[in-house]
Amino acid sequence: MAKVTAGELITLNVENQEVTIKVEDASKSDFISGKVERSSSENYKEGNVYEFDRSLLKEK
């Protein structure tokens, strides 16, 4: 499973849209919460905080 830390900027592919978040909490096993920094999706507004399924992360 990919590891992330609070404060890290990551880009996720959500519903075929790119969403860049600043991780706020990665301590939960299945979800990562983060503030949206950039988004090409109307469902994820910049400045708002959402939870994302950790499975969206790709191993590097």
PDB file of N, CA and C in Angstrom:
ATOM      1  N   MET A   1       0.851  -1.184   0.000  1.00  0.00           N
ATOM      2  CA  MET A   1       0.000   0.000   0.000  1.00  0.00           C
ATOM      3  C   MET A   1       0.893   1.244   0.000  1.00  0.00           C
ATOM      4  N   ALA A   2       0.559   2.199  -0.812  1.00  0.00           N
ATOM      5  CA  ALA A   2       1.338   3.429  -0.910  1.00  0.00           C
ATOM      6  C   ALA A   2       1.234   4.214   0.397  1.00  0.00           C
ATOM      7  N   LYS A   3       2.362   4.792   0.807  1.00  0.00           N
ATOM      8  CA  LYS A   3       2.376   5.576   2.036  1.00  0.00           C
ATOM      9  C   LYS A   3       2.374   7.056   1.694  1.00  0.00           C
ATOM     10  N   VAL A   4       1.592   7.803   2.456  1.00  0.00           N
ATOM     11  CA  VAL A   4       1.566   9.260   2.329  1.00  0.00           C
ATOM     12  C   VAL A   4       1.609   9.843   3.739  1.00  0.00           C
ATOM     13  N   THR A   5       2.019  11.101   3.839  1.00  0.00           N
ATOM     14  CA  THR A   5       2.088  11.763   5.131  1.00  0.00           C
ATOM     15  C   THR A   5       1.330  13.077   5.076  1.00  0.00           C
ATOM     16  N   ALA A   6       0.906  13.524   6.231  1.00  0.00           N
ATOM     17  CA  ALA A   6       0.196  14.806   6.320  1.00  0.00           C
ATOM     18  C   ALA A   6       1.077  15.916   5.756  1.00  0.00           C
ATOM     19  N   GLY A   7       0.465  16.801   4.996  1.00  0.00           N
ATOM     20  CA  GLY A   7       1.180  17.916   4.384  1.00  0.00           C
ATOM     21  C   GLY A   7       1.667  17.637   2.970  1.00  0.00           C
ATOM     22  N   GLU A   8       1.675  16.391   2.568  1.00  0.00           N
ATOM     23  CA  GLU A   8       2.138  15.992   1.244  1.00  0.00           C
ATOM     24  C   GLU A   8       1.093  16.346   0.186  1.00  0.00           C
ATOM     25  N   LEU A   9       1.552  16.825  -0.969  1.00  0.00           N
ATOM     26  CA  LEU A   9       0.668  17.072  -2.110  1.00  0.00           C
ATOM     27  C   LEU A   9       0.674  15.828  -2.989  1.00  0.00           C
ATOM     28  N   ILE A  10      -0.526  15.316  -3.284  1.00  0.00           N
ATOM     29  CA  ILE A  10      -0.640  14.156  -4.159  1.00  0.00           C
ATOM     30  C   ILE A  10      -1.741  14.409  -5.183  1.00  0.00           C
ATOM     31  N   THR A  11      -1.600  13.798  -6.349  1.00  0.00           N
ATOM     32  CA  THR A  11      -2.616  13.902  -7.389  1.00  0.00           C
ATOM     33  C   THR A  11      -3.269  12.540  -7.565  1.00  0.00           C
ATOM     34  N   LEU A  12      -4.595  12.547  -7.519  1.00  0.00           N
ATOM     35  CA  LEU A  12      -5.376  11.323  -7.667  1.00  0.00           C
ATOM     36  C   LEU A  12      -6.198  11.397  -8.945  1.00  0.00           C
ATOM     37  N   ASN A  13      -6.464  10.251  -9.531  1.00  0.00           N
ATOM     38  CA  ASN A  13      -7.361  10.163 -10.677  1.00  0.00           C
ATOM     39  C   ASN A  13      -8.707   9.685 -10.136  1.00  0.00           C
ATOM     40  N   VAL A  14      -9.659  10.612 -10.052  1.00  0.00           N
ATOM     41  CA  VAL A  14     -10.976  10.312  -9.489  1.00  0.00           C
ATOM     42  C   VAL A  14     -12.013  10.488 -10.597  1.00  0.00           C
ATOM     43  N   GLU A  15     -12.681   9.395 -10.936  1.00  0.00           N
ATOM     44  CA  GLU A  15     -13.706   9.444 -11.982  1.00  0.00           C
ATOM     45  C   GLU A  15     -13.156  10.058 -13.273  1.00  0.00           C
ATOM     46  N   ASN A  16     -11.955   9.640 -13.653  1.00  0.00           N
ATOM     47  CA  ASN A  16     -11.260  10.121 -14.856  1.00  0.00           C
ATOM     48  C   ASN A  16     -10.966  11.614 -14.833  1.00  0.00           C
ATOM     49  N   GLN A  17     -10.873  12.193 -13.642  1.00  0.00           N
ATOM     50  CA  GLN A  17     -10.525  13.599 -13.462  1.00  0.00           C
ATOM     51  C   GLN A  17      -9.340  13.664 -12.506  1.00  0.00           C
ATOM     52  N   GLU A  18      -8.432  14.638 -12.717  1.00  0.00           N
ATOM     53  CA  GLU A  18      -7.305  14.807 -11.812  1.00  0.00           C
ATOM     54  C   GLU A  18      -7.686  15.718 -10.660  1.00  0.00           C
ATOM     55  N   VAL A  19      -7.380  15.254  -9.447  1.00  0.00           N
ATOM     56  CA  VAL A  19      -7.635  16.019  -8.239  1.00  0.00           C
ATOM     57  C   VAL A  19      -6.342  16.036  -7.425  1.00  0.00           C
ATOM     58  N   THR A  20      -5.793  17.221  -7.177  1.00  0.00           N
ATOM     59  CA  THR A  20      -4.591  17.358  -6.370  1.00  0.00           C
ATOM     60  C   THR A  20      -5.002  17.804  -4.978  1.00  0.00           C
ATOM     61  N   ILE A  21      -4.555  17.042  -3.980  1.00  0.00           N
ATOM     62  CA  ILE A  21      -4.919  17.360  -2.600  1.00  0.00           C
ATOM     63  C   ILE A  21      -3.673  17.529  -1.739  1.00  0.00           C
ATOM     64  N   LYS A  22      -3.838  18.297  -0.675  1.00  0.00           N
ATOM     65  CA  LYS A  22      -2.831  18.383   0.369  1.00  0.00           C
ATOM     66  C   LYS A  22      -3.346  17.490   1.490  1.00  0.00           C
ATOM     67  N   VAL A  23      -2.627  16.422   1.769  1.00  0.00           N
ATOM     68  CA  VAL A  23      -3.066  15.425   2.737  1.00  0.00           C
ATOM     69  C   VAL A  23      -3.168  16.052   4.125  1.00  0.00           C
ATOM     70  N   GLU A  24      -4.311  15.847   4.761  1.00  0.00           N
ATOM     71  CA  GLU A  24      -4.506  16.320   6.126  1.00  0.00           C
ATOM     72  C   GLU A  24      -4.429  15.167   7.125  1.00  0.00           C
ATOM     73  N   ASP A  25      -4.964  14.011   6.761  1.00  0.00           N
ATOM     74  CA  ASP A  25      -4.950  12.856   7.660  1.00  0.00           C
ATOM     75  C   ASP A  25      -4.831  11.590   6.826  1.00  0.00           C
ATOM     76  N   ALA A  26      -3.744  10.864   7.046  1.00  0.00           N
ATOM     77  CA  ALA A  26      -3.536   9.599   6.336  1.00  0.00           C
ATOM     78  C   ALA A  26      -3.471   8.441   7.319  1.00  0.00           C
ATOM     79  N   SER A  27      -3.940   8.654   8.541  1.00  0.00           N
ATOM     80  CA  SER A  27      -3.816   7.633   9.578  1.00  0.00           C
ATOM     81  C   SER A  27      -4.881   6.540   9.470  1.00  0.00           C
ATOM     82  N   LYS A  28      -5.974   6.806   8.793  1.00  0.00           N
ATOM     83  CA  LYS A  28      -7.018   5.787   8.633  1.00  0.00           C
ATOM     84  C   LYS A  28      -6.563   4.765   7.603  1.00  0.00           C
ATOM     85  N   SER A  29      -6.921   3.525   7.807  1.00  0.00           N
ATOM     86  CA  SER A  29      -6.409   2.480   6.925  1.00  0.00           C
ATOM     87  C   SER A  29      -6.993   2.531   5.518  1.00  0.00           C
ATOM     88  N   ASP A  30      -8.261   2.896   5.378  1.00  0.00           N
ATOM     89  CA  ASP A  30      -8.903   2.822   4.069  1.00  0.00           C
ATOM     90  C   ASP A  30      -9.082   4.164   3.371  1.00  0.00           C
ATOM     91  N   PHE A  31      -8.933   5.263   4.103  1.00  0.00           N
ATOM     92  CA  PHE A  31      -9.214   6.579   3.529  1.00  0.00           C
ATOM     93  C   PHE A  31      -8.120   7.586   3.844  1.00  0.00           C
ATOM     94  N   ILE A  32      -8.020   8.576   2.990  1.00  0.00           N
ATOM     95  CA  ILE A  32      -7.116   9.712   3.178  1.00  0.00           C
ATOM     96  C   ILE A  32      -7.975  10.964   3.099  1.00  0.00           C
ATOM     97  N   SER A  33      -7.843  11.849   4.063  1.00  0.00           N
ATOM     98  CA  SER A  33      -8.568  13.114   3.952  1.00  0.00           C
ATOM     99  C   SER A  33      -7.587  14.184   3.501  1.00  0.00           C
ATOM    100  N   GLY A  34      -8.075  15.081   2.660  1.00  0.00           N
ATOM    101  CA  GLY A  34      -7.210  16.123   2.148  1.00  0.00           C
ATOM    102  C   GLY A  34      -7.982  17.302   1.604  1.00  0.00           C
ATOM    103  N   LYS A  35      -7.311  18.445   1.606  1.00  0.00           N
ATOM    104  CA  LYS A  35      -7.876  19.685   1.071  1.00  0.00           C
ATOM    105  C   LYS A  35      -7.534  19.770  -0.413  1.00  0.00           C
ATOM    106  N   VAL A  36      -8.538  20.014  -1.227  1.00  0.00           N
ATOM    107  CA  VAL A  36      -8.334  20.075  -2.669  1.00  0.00           C
ATOM    108  C   VAL A  36      -7.589  21.367  -3.032  1.00  0.00           C
ATOM    109  N   GLU A  37      -6.447  21.202  -3.675  1.00  0.00           N
ATOM    110  CA  GLU A  37      -5.632  22.327  -4.138  1.00  0.00           C
ATOM    111  C   GLU A  37      -5.958  22.669  -5.599  1.00  0.00           C
ATOM    112  N   ARG A  38      -6.127  21.628  -6.427  1.00  0.00           N
ATOM    113  CA  ARG A  38      -6.486  21.789  -7.844  1.00  0.00           C
ATOM    114  C   ARG A  38      -7.409  20.653  -8.227  1.00  0.00           C
ATOM    115  N   SER A  39      -8.373  20.960  -9.092  1.00  0.00           N
ATOM    116  CA  SER A  39      -9.302  19.912  -9.503  1.00  0.00           C
ATOM    117  C   SER A  39      -9.875  20.212 -10.877  1.00  0.00           C
ATOM    118  N   SER A  40      -9.944  19.159 -11.707  1.00  0.00           N
ATOM    119  CA  SER A  40     -10.622  19.289 -12.993  1.00  0.00           C
ATOM    120  C   SER A  40     -12.023  18.694 -12.902  1.00  0.00           C
ATOM    121  N   SER A  41     -12.444  18.325 -11.692  1.00  0.00           N
ATOM    122  CA  SER A  41     -13.759  17.722 -11.469  1.00  0.00           C
ATOM    123  C   SER A  41     -14.686  18.721 -10.782  1.00  0.00           C
ATOM    124  N   GLU A  42     -15.901  18.809 -11.278  1.00  0.00           N
ATOM    125  CA  GLU A  42     -16.893  19.676 -10.641  1.00  0.00           C
ATOM    126  C   GLU A  42     -17.342  19.121  -9.296  1.00  0.00           C
ATOM    127  N   ASN A  43     -17.105  17.840  -9.050  1.00  0.00           N
ATOM    128  CA  ASN A  43     -17.524  17.206  -7.804  1.00  0.00           C
ATOM    129  C   ASN A  43     -16.592  17.510  -6.631  1.00  0.00           C
ATOM    130  N   TYR A  44     -15.386  17.972  -6.922  1.00  0.00           N
ATOM    131  CA  TYR A  44     -14.400  18.251  -5.880  1.00  0.00           C
ATOM    132  C   TYR A  44     -13.933  19.695  -6.029  1.00  0.00           C
ATOM    133  N   LYS A  45     -14.467  20.562  -5.193  1.00  0.00           N
ATOM    134  CA  LYS A  45     -14.195  22.004  -5.274  1.00  0.00           C
ATOM    135  C   LYS A  45     -12.899  22.349  -4.555  1.00  0.00           C
ATOM    136  N   GLU A  46     -12.112  23.241  -5.167  1.00  0.00           N
ATOM    137  CA  GLU A  46     -10.870  23.702  -4.559  1.00  0.00           C
ATOM    138  C   GLU A  46     -11.153  24.362  -3.216  1.00  0.00           C
ATOM    139  N   GLY A  47     -10.315  24.060  -2.241  1.00  0.00           N
ATOM    140  CA  GLY A  47     -10.442  24.632  -0.912  1.00  0.00           C
ATOM    141  C   GLY A  47     -11.256  23.791   0.049  1.00  0.00           C
ATOM    142  N   ASN A  48     -12.010  22.830  -0.461  1.00  0.00           N
ATOM    143  CA  ASN A  48     -12.820  21.968   0.398  1.00  0.00           C
ATOM    144  C   ASN A  48     -12.033  20.714   0.788  1.00  0.00           C
ATOM    145  N   VAL A  49     -12.422  20.104   1.904  1.00  0.00           N
ATOM    146  CA  VAL A  49     -11.780  18.889   2.397  1.00  0.00           C
ATOM    147  C   VAL A  49     -12.699  17.700   2.123  1.00  0.00           C
ATOM    148  N   TYR A  50     -12.100  16.624   1.595  1.00  0.00           N
ATOM    149  CA  TYR A  50     -12.845  15.407   1.274  1.00  0.00           C
ATOM    150  C   TYR A  50     -12.053  14.202   1.755  1.00  0.00           C
ATOM    151  N   GLU A  51     -12.743  13.076   1.864  1.00  0.00           N
ATOM    152  CA  GLU A  51     -12.081  11.803   2.108  1.00  0.00           C
ATOM    153  C   GLU A  51     -12.007  11.042   0.790  1.00  0.00           C
ATOM    154  N   PHE A  52     -10.865  10.442   0.535  1.00  0.00           N
ATOM    155  CA  PHE A  52     -10.638   9.685  -0.693  1.00  0.00           C
ATOM    156  C   PHE A  52     -10.234   8.263  -0.329  1.00  0.00           C
ATOM    157  N   ASP A  53     -10.725   7.314  -1.103  1.00  0.00           N
ATOM    158  CA  ASP A  53     -10.371   5.918  -0.901  1.00  0.00           C
ATOM    159  C   ASP A  53      -8.880   5.738  -1.175  1.00  0.00           C
ATOM    160  N   ARG A  54      -8.195   5.100  -0.256  1.00  0.00           N
ATOM    161  CA  ARG A  54      -6.753   4.906  -0.390  1.00  0.00           C
ATOM    162  C   ARG A  54      -6.407   4.089  -1.642  1.00  0.00           C
ATOM    163  N   SER A  55      -7.345   3.305  -2.143  1.00  0.00           N
ATOM    164  CA  SER A  55      -7.081   2.495  -3.340  1.00  0.00           C
ATOM    165  C   SER A  55      -6.832   3.356  -4.579  1.00  0.00           C
ATOM    166  N   LEU A  56      -7.168   4.661  -4.517  1.00  0.00           N
ATOM    167  CA  LEU A  56      -6.892   5.567  -5.640  1.00  0.00           C
ATOM    168  C   LEU A  56      -5.389   5.847  -5.796  1.00  0.00           C
ATOM    169  N   LEU A  57      -4.615   5.572  -4.740  1.00  0.00           N
ATOM    170  CA  LEU A  57      -3.173   5.778  -4.803  1.00  0.00           C
ATOM    171  C   LEU A  57      -2.539   4.668  -5.633  1.00  0.00           C
ATOM    172  N   LYS A  58      -1.574   5.032  -6.409  1.00  0.00           N
ATOM    173  CA  LYS A  58      -0.840   4.063  -7.211  1.00  0.00           C
ATOM    174  C   LYS A  58       0.541   3.853  -6.580  1.00  0.00           C
ATOM    175  N   GLU A  59       0.954   2.618  -6.489  1.00  0.00           N
ATOM    176  CA  GLU A  59       2.301   2.317  -5.999  1.00  0.00           C
ATOM    177  C   GLU A  59       3.323   2.847  -6.996  1.00  0.00           C
ATOM    178  N   LYS A  60       4.407   3.408  -6.485  1.00  0.00           N
ATOM    179  CA  LYS A  60       5.475   3.914  -7.357  1.00  0.00           C
ATOM    180  C   LYS A  60       6.649   2.980  -7.346  1.00  0.00           C
TER     181      LYS A  60
END
